[in-house]
C-alpha atoms as a PDB file:
ATOM      1  CA  MET A   1       0.000   0.000   0.000  1.00  0.00           C
ATOM      2  CA  ALA A   2       1.653   3.172  -1.233  1.00  0.00           C
ATOM      3  CA  PHE A   3       0.955   5.397   1.769  1.00  0.00           C
ATOM      4  CA  ARG A   4       2.414   2.953   4.292  1.00  0.00           C
ATOM      5  CA  LYS A   5       5.550   2.040   2.326  1.00  0.00           C
ATOM      6  CA  PRO A   6       8.782   4.036   2.755  1.00  0.00           C
ATOM      7  CA  GLU A   7       9.778   5.988  -0.332  1.00  0.00           C
ATOM      8  CA  TRP A   8      13.021   4.074  -0.788  1.00  0.00           C
ATOM      9  CA  PRO A   9      14.141   0.530   0.058  1.00  0.00           C
ATOM     10  CA  ASP A  10      17.063  -0.041   2.421  1.00  0.00           C
ATOM     11  CA  VAL A  11      20.337  -1.767   1.597  1.00  0.00           C
ATOM     12  CA  ASN A  12      19.967  -5.587   1.888  1.00  0.00           C
ATOM     13  CA  ASP A  13      16.183  -5.405   1.510  1.00  0.00           C
ATOM     14  CA  LEU A  14      14.585  -7.961  -0.765  1.00  0.00           C
ATOM     15  CA  VAL A  15      12.326  -6.397  -3.399  1.00  0.00           C
ATOM     16  CA  ILE A  16       9.923  -7.560  -6.083  1.00  0.00           C
ATOM     17  CA  ALA A  17      10.790  -6.053  -9.455  1.00  0.00           C
ATOM     18  CA  THR A  18       9.563  -6.222 -13.040  1.00  0.00           C
ATOM     19  CA  VAL A  19      12.183  -6.321 -15.799  1.00  0.00           C
ATOM     20  CA  VAL A  20      11.443  -3.471 -18.233  1.00  0.00           C
ATOM     21  CA  LYS A  21      14.574  -3.240 -20.401  1.00  0.00           C
ATOM     22  CA  ILE A  22      17.585  -5.462 -21.064  1.00  0.00           C
ATOM     23  CA  THR A  23      20.940  -4.157 -22.311  1.00  0.00           C
ATOM     24  CA  ASP A  24      24.380  -5.703 -22.854  1.00  0.00           C
ATOM     25  CA  TYR A  25      25.494  -4.571 -19.389  1.00  0.00           C
ATOM     26  CA  GLY A  26      22.403  -5.413 -17.338  1.00  0.00           C
ATOM     27  CA  ALA A  27      18.673  -5.052 -16.893  1.00  0.00           C
ATOM     28  CA  TYR A  28      16.593  -2.069 -15.854  1.00  0.00           C
ATOM     29  CA  VAL A  29      13.725  -2.974 -13.548  1.00  0.00           C
ATOM     30  CA  GLN A  30      10.715  -1.306 -11.970  1.00  0.00           C
ATOM     31  CA  LEU A  31      10.459  -1.843  -8.219  1.00  0.00           C
ATOM     32  CA  ASP A  32       6.848  -2.932  -7.787  1.00  0.00           C
ATOM     33  CA  GLU A  33       6.625  -1.824  -4.156  1.00  0.00           C
ATOM     34  CA  TYR A  34       8.304   1.593  -4.445  1.00  0.00           C
ATOM     35  CA  ASP A  35       7.558   3.259  -7.783  1.00  0.00           C
ATOM     36  CA  LYS A  36      11.309   3.452  -8.449  1.00  0.00           C
ATOM     37  CA  GLU A  37      13.635   2.149 -11.144  1.00  0.00           C
ATOM     38  CA  GLY A  38      16.685   0.032 -10.434  1.00  0.00           C
ATOM     39  CA  LEU A  39      19.607  -1.535 -12.266  1.00  0.00           C
ATOM     40  CA  LEU A  40      20.555  -5.197 -12.165  1.00  0.00           C
ATOM     41  CA  HIS A  41      24.141  -5.169 -13.453  1.00  0.00           C
ATOM     42  CA  ILE A  42      25.216  -8.194 -15.457  1.00  0.00           C
ATOM     43  CA  SER A  43      27.868  -8.980 -12.823  1.00  0.00           C
ATOM     44  CA  GLU A  44      25.085  -9.450 -10.257  1.00  0.00           C
ATOM     45  CA  VAL A  45      22.933 -11.773 -12.360  1.00  0.00           C
ATOM     46  CA  ALA A  46      24.679 -15.072 -11.573  1.00  0.00           C
ATOM     47  CA  SER A  47      27.720 -16.405  -9.715  1.00  0.00           C
ATOM     48  CA  SER A  48      29.077 -17.926 -12.927  1.00  0.00           C
ATOM     49  CA  TRP A  49      30.054 -16.079 -16.099  1.00  0.00           C
ATOM     50  CA  VAL A  50      27.029 -14.726 -17.972  1.00  0.00           C
ATOM     51  CA  ARG A  51      27.320 -14.997 -21.751  1.00  0.00           C
ATOM     52  CA  ASN A  52      23.780 -13.814 -22.449  1.00  0.00           C
ATOM     53  CA  ILE A  53      21.755 -12.061 -19.751  1.00  0.00           C
ATOM     54  CA  ARG A  54      18.559 -13.148 -21.495  1.00  0.00           C
ATOM     55  CA  ASP A  55      19.302 -16.693 -20.393  1.00  0.00           C
ATOM     56  CA  PHE A  56      18.521 -15.499 -16.840  1.00  0.00           C
ATOM     57  CA  VAL A  57      15.953 -12.687 -17.141  1.00  0.00           C
ATOM     58  CA  ARG A  58      13.508 -11.431 -19.748  1.00  0.00           C
ATOM     59  CA  GLU A  59      11.345  -8.354 -20.257  1.00  0.00           C
ATOM     60  CA  GLY A  60       8.121  -8.474 -18.277  1.00  0.00           C
ATOM     61  CA  GLN A  61       9.452 -11.050 -15.817  1.00  0.00           C
ATOM     62  CA  LYS A  62       8.971 -10.523 -12.065  1.00  0.00           C
ATOM     63  CA  VAL A  63      12.096 -11.248 -10.040  1.00  0.00           C
ATOM     64  CA  VAL A  64      13.184 -11.108  -6.414  1.00  0.00           C
ATOM     65  CA  LEU A  65      16.298  -8.959  -6.008  1.00  0.00           C
ATOM     66  CA  LYS A  66      18.516  -7.788  -3.147  1.00  0.00           C
ATOM     67  CA  VAL A  67      19.289  -4.087  -2.732  1.00  0.00           C
ATOM     68  CA  LEU A  68      23.035  -3.375  -2.888  1.00  0.00           C
ATOM     69  CA  ARG A  69      23.155   0.439  -2.989  1.00  0.00           C
ATOM     70  CA  VAL A  70      20.690   3.313  -2.824  1.00  0.00           C
ATOM     71  CA  ASP A  71      21.656   6.755  -4.096  1.00  0.00           C
ATOM     72  CA  LYS A  72      18.689   8.999  -3.384  1.00  0.00           C
ATOM     73  CA  GLU A  73      20.335  12.101  -4.899  1.00  0.00           C
ATOM     74  CA  LYS A  74      20.909  10.389  -8.234  1.00  0.00           C
ATOM     75  CA  GLY A  75      17.752   8.326  -7.948  1.00  0.00           C
ATOM     76  CA  GLN A  76      19.670   5.077  -8.404  1.00  0.00           C
ATOM     77  CA  VAL A  77      19.076   1.655  -6.868  1.00  0.00           C
ATOM     78  CA  ASP A  78      21.626  -1.099  -7.590  1.00  0.00           C
ATOM     79  CA  LEU A  79      20.346  -4.633  -7.277  1.00  0.00           C
ATOM     80  CA  SER A  80      21.499  -8.247  -7.248  1.00  0.00           C
ATOM     81  CA  LEU A  81      19.906 -11.487  -8.381  1.00  0.00           C
ATOM     82  CA  ARG A  82      22.782 -13.836  -7.576  1.00  0.00           C
ATOM     83  CA  ARG A  83      22.798 -12.908  -3.861  1.00  0.00           C
ATOM     84  CA  VAL A  84      19.191 -14.011  -3.314  1.00  0.00           C
ATOM     85  CA  THR A  85      18.882 -17.554  -1.954  1.00  0.00           C
ATOM     86  CA  LYS A  86      16.086 -19.925  -2.959  1.00  0.00           C
ATOM     87  CA  ARG A  87      14.639 -19.689   0.537  1.00  0.00           C
ATOM     88  CA  GLU A  88      14.714 -15.870   0.503  1.00  0.00           C
ATOM     89  CA  LYS A  89      13.025 -15.845  -2.895  1.00  0.00           C
ATOM     90  CA  LYS A  90      10.252 -18.165  -1.724  1.00  0.00           C
ATOM     91  CA  GLU A  91       9.647 -16.222   1.504  1.00  0.00           C
ATOM     92  CA  LYS A  92       9.657 -12.833  -0.255  1.00  0.00           C
ATOM     93  CA  ILE A  93       7.146 -13.946  -2.889  1.00  0.00           C
ATOM     94  CA  LEU A  94       4.855 -15.341  -0.187  1.00  0.00           C
ATOM     95  CA  SER A  95       5.136 -12.130   1.845  1.00  0.00           C
ATOM     96  CA  TRP A  96       4.484  -9.983  -1.232  1.00  0.00           C
ATOM     97  CA  LYS A  97       1.399 -11.980  -2.162  1.00  0.00           C
ATOM     98  CA  LYS A  98       0.053 -11.665   1.382  1.00  0.00           C
ATOM     99  CA  ASP A  99       0.652  -7.901   1.350  1.00  0.00           C
ATOM    100  CA  ARG A 100      -1.202  -7.553  -1.940  1.00  0.00           C
ATOM    101  CA  LYS A 101      -4.101  -9.638  -0.629  1.00  0.00           C
ATOM    102  CA  ALA A 102      -4.227  -7.556   2.571  1.00  0.00           C
ATOM    103  CA  ASP A 103      -4.283  -4.338   0.545  1.00  0.00           C
ATOM    104  CA  SER A 104      -7.143  -5.730  -1.524  1.00  0.00           C
ATOM    105  CA  LEU A 105      -9.129  -6.602   1.623  1.00  0.00           C
ATOM    106  CA  LEU A 106      -8.662  -3.132   3.112  1.00  0.00           C
ATOM    107  CA  ARG A 107      -9.675  -1.630  -0.221  1.00  0.00           C
ATOM    108  CA  SER A 108     -12.851  -3.751  -0.197  1.00  0.00           C
ATOM    109  CA  ALA A 109     -13.668  -2.475   3.300  1.00  0.00           C
ATOM    110  CA  SER A 110     -13.113   1.096   2.121  1.00  0.00           C
ATOM    111  CA  GLU A 111     -15.566   0.607  -0.742  1.00  0.00           C
ATOM    112  CA  LYS A 112     -18.086  -1.259   1.410  1.00  0.00           C
ATOM    113  CA  LEU A 113     -18.160   1.510   4.023  1.00  0.00           C
ATOM    114  CA  SER A 114     -17.667   4.402   1.567  1.00  0.00           C
ATOM    115  CA  ILE A 115     -14.738   5.798   3.546  1.00  0.00           C
ATOM    116  CA  PRO A 116     -11.219   6.687   2.332  1.00  0.00           C
ATOM    117  CA  LEU A 117      -8.754   3.806   2.107  1.00  0.00           C
ATOM    118  CA  LYS A 118      -6.286   5.832   4.144  1.00  0.00           C
ATOM    119  CA  ASP A 119      -8.781   5.966   7.028  1.00  0.00           C
ATOM    120  CA  VAL A 120      -9.244   2.205   6.950  1.00  0.00           C
ATOM    121  CA  TYR A 121      -5.498   1.728   7.161  1.00  0.00           C
ATOM    122  CA  GLU A 122      -5.004   4.272   9.960  1.00  0.00           C
ATOM    123  CA  LYS A 123      -7.962   3.030  12.045  1.00  0.00           C
ATOM    124  CA  ALA A 124      -7.506  -0.684  11.414  1.00  0.00           C
ATOM    125  CA  GLY A 125      -4.571  -1.690   9.222  1.00  0.00           C
ATOM    126  CA  ALA A 126      -1.896   0.019  11.320  1.00  0.00           C
ATOM    127  CA  LEU A 127      -3.252  -1.522  14.541  1.00  0.00           C
ATOM    128  CA  ILE A 128      -3.425  -4.976  12.991  1.00  0.00           C
ATOM    129  CA  GLU A 129       0.090  -4.688  11.571  1.00  0.00           C
ATOM    130  CA  LYS A 130       1.511  -3.629  14.931  1.00  0.00           C
ATOM    131  CA  GLU A 131      -0.197  -6.473  16.803  1.00  0.00           C
ATOM    132  CA  PHE A 132       0.360  -9.345  14.360  1.00  0.00           C
ATOM    133  CA  GLY A 133       3.393  -8.240  12.356  1.00  0.00           C
ATOM    134  CA  GLY A 134       1.362  -8.211   9.157  1.00  0.00           C
ATOM    135  CA  ILE A 135      -2.135  -7.184   8.099  1.00  0.00           C
ATOM    136  CA  HIS A 136      -2.864 -10.486   6.361  1.00  0.00           C
ATOM    137  CA  GLU A 137      -1.932 -12.444   9.483  1.00  0.00           C
ATOM    138  CA  GLY A 138      -4.369 -10.379  11.564  1.00  0.00           C
ATOM    139  CA  LEU A 139      -7.172 -10.705   9.024  1.00  0.00           C
ATOM    140  CA  GLU A 140      -6.576 -14.454   8.802  1.00  0.00           C
ATOM    141  CA  LYS A 141      -7.098 -14.659  12.568  1.00  0.00           C
ATOM    142  CA  THR A 142     -10.208 -12.496  12.159  1.00  0.00           C
ATOM    143  CA  ALA A 143     -11.562 -14.929   9.573  1.00  0.00           C
ATOM    144  CA  LYS A 144     -11.106 -17.738  12.108  1.00  0.00           C
ATOM    145  CA  GLU A 145     -12.265 -16.033  15.307  1.00  0.00           C
ATOM    146  CA  GLY A 146     -14.458 -13.101  14.279  1.00  0.00           C
ATOM    147  CA  ALA A 147     -14.534  -9.315  14.672  1.00  0.00           C
ATOM    148  CA  GLU A 148     -13.710  -9.534  18.392  1.00  0.00           C
ATOM    149  CA  VAL A 149     -10.051  -9.944  17.379  1.00  0.00           C
ATOM    150  CA  LEU A 150     -10.126  -6.426  15.901  1.00  0.00           C
ATOM    151  CA  LEU A 151     -12.368  -4.840  18.507  1.00  0.00           C
ATOM    152  CA  LYS A 152      -9.815  -5.745  21.192  1.00  0.00           C
ATOM    153  CA  LEU A 153      -7.240  -3.693  19.270  1.00  0.00           C
ATOM    154  CA  GLY A 154      -9.473  -0.621  19.255  1.00  0.00           C
ATOM    155  CA  VAL A 155     -10.687  -0.936  15.666  1.00  0.00           C
ATOM    156  CA  PRO A 156     -14.053   0.888  15.240  1.00  0.00           C
ATOM    157  CA  LYS A 157     -16.969  -1.556  15.207  1.00  0.00           C
ATOM    158  CA  ASP A 158     -18.185  -0.732  11.695  1.00  0.00           C
ATOM    159  CA  ILE A 159     -14.726  -1.361  10.223  1.00  0.00           C
ATOM    160  CA  ALA A 160     -14.179  -4.484  12.342  1.00  0.00           C
ATOM    161  CA  VAL A 161     -17.478  -6.019  11.239  1.00  0.00           C
ATOM    162  CA  ALA A 162     -16.846  -5.168   7.586  1.00  0.00           C
ATOM    163  CA  LEU A 163     -13.346  -6.662   7.708  1.00  0.00           C
ATOM    164  CA  GLU A 164     -14.674  -9.810   9.383  1.00  0.00           C
ATOM    165  CA  GLU A 165     -17.223 -10.323   6.604  1.00  0.00           C
ATOM    166  CA  ILE A 166     -14.654  -9.668   3.882  1.00  0.00           C
ATOM    167  CA  ALA A 167     -11.970 -11.845   5.513  1.00  0.00           C
ATOM    168  CA  LYS A 168     -14.337 -14.799   5.917  1.00  0.00           C
ATOM    169  CA  GLU A 169     -15.359 -14.479   2.285  1.00  0.00           C
ATOM    170  CA  LYS A 170     -11.931 -13.909   0.736  1.00  0.00           C
ATOM    171  CA  ILE A 171      -9.373 -15.694   2.946  1.00  0.00           C
ATOM    172  CA  ARG A 172      -8.975 -19.433   2.618  1.00  0.00           C
ATOM    173  CA  ILE A 173      -7.929 -20.727   6.026  1.00  0.00           C
ATOM    174  CA  PRO A 174      -5.109 -23.262   5.672  1.00  0.00           C
ATOM    175  CA  THR A 175      -5.832 -26.580   7.359  1.00  0.00           C
ATOM    176  CA  VAL A 176      -3.938 -29.792   8.038  1.00  0.00           C
ATOM    177  CA  LYS A 177      -5.445 -33.215   8.574  1.00  0.00           C
ATOM    178  CA  ILE A 178      -4.195 -36.132  10.649  1.00  0.00           C
ATOM    179  CA  LYS A 179      -5.908 -39.445  11.267  1.00  0.00           C
ATOM    180  CA  GLY A 180      -5.830 -42.778  13.012  1.00  0.00           C
ATOM    181  CA  ILE A 181      -7.852 -45.902  13.765  1.00  0.00           C
ATOM    182  CA  LEU A 182      -9.771 -46.339  17.015  1.00  0.00           C
ATOM    183  CA  GLU A 183     -10.708 -49.926  17.833  1.00  0.00           C
ATOM    184  CA  LEU A 184     -13.485 -50.075  20.433  1.00  0.00           C
ATOM    185  CA  GLN A 185     -15.201 -53.194  21.727  1.00  0.00           C
ATOM    186  CA  CYS A 186     -17.918 -53.734  24.336  1.00  0.00           C
ATOM    187  CA  THR A 187     -19.749 -57.042  24.894  1.00  0.00           C
ATOM    188  CA  LYS A 188     -22.596 -55.592  26.965  1.00  0.00           C
ATOM    189  CA  PRO A 189     -26.133 -55.840  25.515  1.00  0.00           C
ATOM    190  CA  ASN A 190     -26.144 -52.088  24.855  1.00  0.00           C
ATOM    191  CA  GLY A 191     -22.515 -52.113  23.716  1.00  0.00           C
ATOM    192  CA  VAL A 192     -23.253 -50.408  20.386  1.00  0.00           C
ATOM    193  CA  THR A 193     -24.924 -47.498  22.182  1.00  0.00           C
ATOM    194  CA  LEU A 194     -22.047 -47.193  24.658  1.00  0.00           C
ATOM    195  CA  ILE A 195     -19.448 -47.198  21.865  1.00  0.00           C
ATOM    196  CA  LYS A 196     -21.420 -44.514  20.022  1.00  0.00           C
ATOM    197  CA  LYS A 197     -21.393 -42.381  23.182  1.00  0.00           C
ATOM    198  CA  ALA A 198     -17.599 -42.779  23.503  1.00  0.00           C
ATOM    199  CA  LEU A 199     -17.163 -41.617  19.907  1.00  0.00           C
ATOM    200  CA  LEU A 200     -19.491 -38.639  20.402  1.00  0.00           C
ATOM    201  CA  ASP A 201     -17.519 -37.624  23.508  1.00  0.00           C
ATOM    202  CA  ALA A 202     -14.354 -37.759  21.389  1.00  0.00           C
ATOM    203  CA  GLN A 203     -15.962 -35.515  18.757  1.00  0.00           C
ATOM    204  CA  LYS A 204     -16.902 -32.954  21.416  1.00  0.00           C
ATOM    205  CA  ILE A 205     -13.199 -32.483  22.173  1.00  0.00           C
ATOM    206  CA  GLY A 206     -12.842 -30.970  18.709  1.00  0.00           C
ATOM    207  CA  GLU A 207     -15.670 -28.511  19.310  1.00  0.00           C
ATOM    208  CA  ALA A 208     -14.122 -27.443  22.620  1.00  0.00           C
ATOM    209  CA  GLU A 209     -10.728 -26.883  20.960  1.00  0.00           C
ATOM    210  CA  GLY A 210     -12.108 -25.035  17.932  1.00  0.00           C
ATOM    211  CA  THR A 211     -11.177 -27.790  15.486  1.00  0.00           C
ATOM    212  CA  LYS A 212     -13.109 -30.356  13.460  1.00  0.00           C
ATOM    213  CA  ILE A 213     -13.222 -34.073  14.216  1.00  0.00           C
ATOM    214  CA  HIS A 214     -14.859 -36.558  11.857  1.00  0.00           C
ATOM    215  CA  ILE A 215     -15.284 -40.209  12.804  1.00  0.00           C
ATOM    216  CA  TYR A 216     -16.166 -42.871  10.243  1.00  0.00           C
ATOM    217  CA  VAL A 217     -16.919 -46.565  10.549  1.00  0.00           C
ATOM    218  CA  VAL A 218     -14.235 -48.619   8.799  1.00  0.00           C
ATOM    219  CA  ALA A 219     -15.648 -51.996   9.841  1.00  0.00           C
ATOM    220  CA  PRO A 220     -16.751 -52.601  13.439  1.00  0.00           C
ATOM    221  CA  PRO A 221     -14.925 -52.505  15.797  1.00  0.00           C
ATOM    222  CA  LYS A 222     -12.643 -50.150  13.818  1.00  0.00           C
ATOM    223  CA  TYR A 223     -13.389 -46.429  13.438  1.00  0.00           C
ATOM    224  CA  ARG A 224     -11.303 -43.848  11.601  1.00  0.00           C
ATOM    225  CA  ILE A 225     -10.877 -40.520  13.404  1.00  0.00           C
ATOM    226  CA  VAL A 226      -9.790 -37.491  11.333  1.00  0.00           C
ATOM    227  CA  VAL A 227      -8.774 -34.170  12.918  1.00  0.00           C
ATOM    228  CA  SER A 228      -8.645 -30.956  10.852  1.00  0.00           C
ATOM    229  CA  ALA A 229      -6.850 -27.932  12.356  1.00  0.00           C
ATOM    230  CA  GLY A 230      -4.882 -24.851  11.419  1.00  0.00           C
ATOM    231  CA  ASP A 231      -1.521 -26.431  12.233  1.00  0.00           C
ATOM    232  CA  TYR A 232      -0.015 -29.811  13.063  1.00  0.00           C
ATOM    233  CA  LYS A 233       0.730 -29.004  16.698  1.00  0.00           C
ATOM    234  CA  THR A 234      -2.925 -28.224  17.408  1.00  0.00           C
ATOM    235  CA  ALA A 235      -4.128 -31.199  15.387  1.00  0.00           C
ATOM    236  CA  GLU A 236      -1.843 -33.622  17.236  1.00  0.00           C
ATOM    237  CA  SER A 237      -2.937 -32.255  20.615  1.00  0.00           C
ATOM    238  CA  VAL A 238      -6.645 -32.561  19.774  1.00  0.00           C
ATOM    239  CA  LEU A 239      -6.217 -36.062  18.347  1.00  0.00           C
ATOM    240  CA  GLU A 240      -4.462 -37.180  21.521  1.00  0.00           C
ATOM    241  CA  LYS A 241      -7.183 -35.724  23.769  1.00  0.00           C
ATOM    242  CA  ALA A 242     -10.011 -37.144  21.648  1.00  0.00           C
ATOM    243  CA  THR A 243      -8.610 -40.665  21.515  1.00  0.00           C
ATOM    244  CA  GLU A 244      -7.815 -40.629  25.241  1.00  0.00           C
ATOM    245  CA  THR A 245     -11.416 -39.612  25.945  1.00  0.00           C
ATOM    246  CA  ALA A 246     -12.822 -42.459  23.829  1.00  0.00           C
ATOM    247  CA  LEU A 247     -10.483 -45.040  25.346  1.00  0.00           C
ATOM    248  CA  LYS A 248     -11.243 -43.925  28.927  1.00  0.00           C
ATOM    249  CA  ASP A 249     -14.986 -44.021  28.228  1.00  0.00           C
ATOM    250  CA  ILE A 250     -14.798 -47.557  26.879  1.00  0.00           C
ATOM    251  CA  ALA A 251     -12.568 -48.717  29.755  1.00  0.00           C
ATOM    252  CA  LYS A 252     -15.016 -47.364  32.349  1.00  0.00           C
ATOM    253  CA  ILE A 253     -17.795 -49.610  31.043  1.00  0.00           C
ATOM    254  CA  GLY A 254     -15.587 -52.695  30.975  1.00  0.00           C
ATOM    255  CA  GLY A 255     -14.862 -52.591  27.268  1.00  0.00           C
ATOM    256  CA  GLN A 256     -11.570 -52.650  25.395  1.00  0.00           C
ATOM    257  CA  GLY A 257      -9.968 -50.112  23.130  1.00  0.00           C
ATOM    258  CA  SER A 258      -6.817 -49.229  21.218  1.00  0.00           C
ATOM    259  CA  PHE A 259      -5.595 -46.514  18.880  1.00  0.00           C
ATOM    260  CA  LYS A 260      -3.180 -46.639  15.958  1.00  0.00           C
ATOM    261  CA  ARG A 261      -1.956 -43.493  14.214  1.00  0.00           C
ATOM    262  CA  GLU A 262      -2.130 -43.460  10.419  1.00  0.00           C
ATOM    263  CA  LYS A 263       0.291 -41.639   8.126  1.00  0.00           C
END
């Protein structure tokens, strides 16, 4: 977002750039996040000797570059491609995409409420960024937990509610799934009912933890339990609690149970 970005990048910053012109000595690029031009000298394209720069970059291509020098008086930014690691490239592209998505969500709120985009950023975006380190991260949490996340930060109610609606509609919450097989047996006359109760108690653990648990019959006495959560740590914790609950329930009524984790 233009009004929250510094005018110039700093040395060693990673930037997203679009190649606009290629010459024998390098490539001129447009810095997508700064409205500035930069030069990628041929010596900074690759660690090995570069016979033809077009083997590495082409006009119109978006690249991740590292800032080597910034001369504000001359309006020059010198950049490097060879000093960007694969990991840095991947992380920068992900961060850039999240920033663009966050800008789009704030813009949608601005249009929905008919208020200036700058006001939405100052009254909500800045607070979210400060609290979560990034606007997208805060809006992702809002999509999961509701407008209360923003209200606690001091975001005006009308903006918080609008952002909640937009976030839930536009942000796809990442989920992970883990599973295993519960084997439950009970020889009592009402054993089927008691086993069903043990499985329902296990499912309730998911509701209490804010995750989803699905249990399917494989073939009695085997039941597959699948936990969906936002991350593996949470999923593993919920799966452990749910299976422990089912096994304790079945043990209390004199039945037998076991659990085997599936890959």
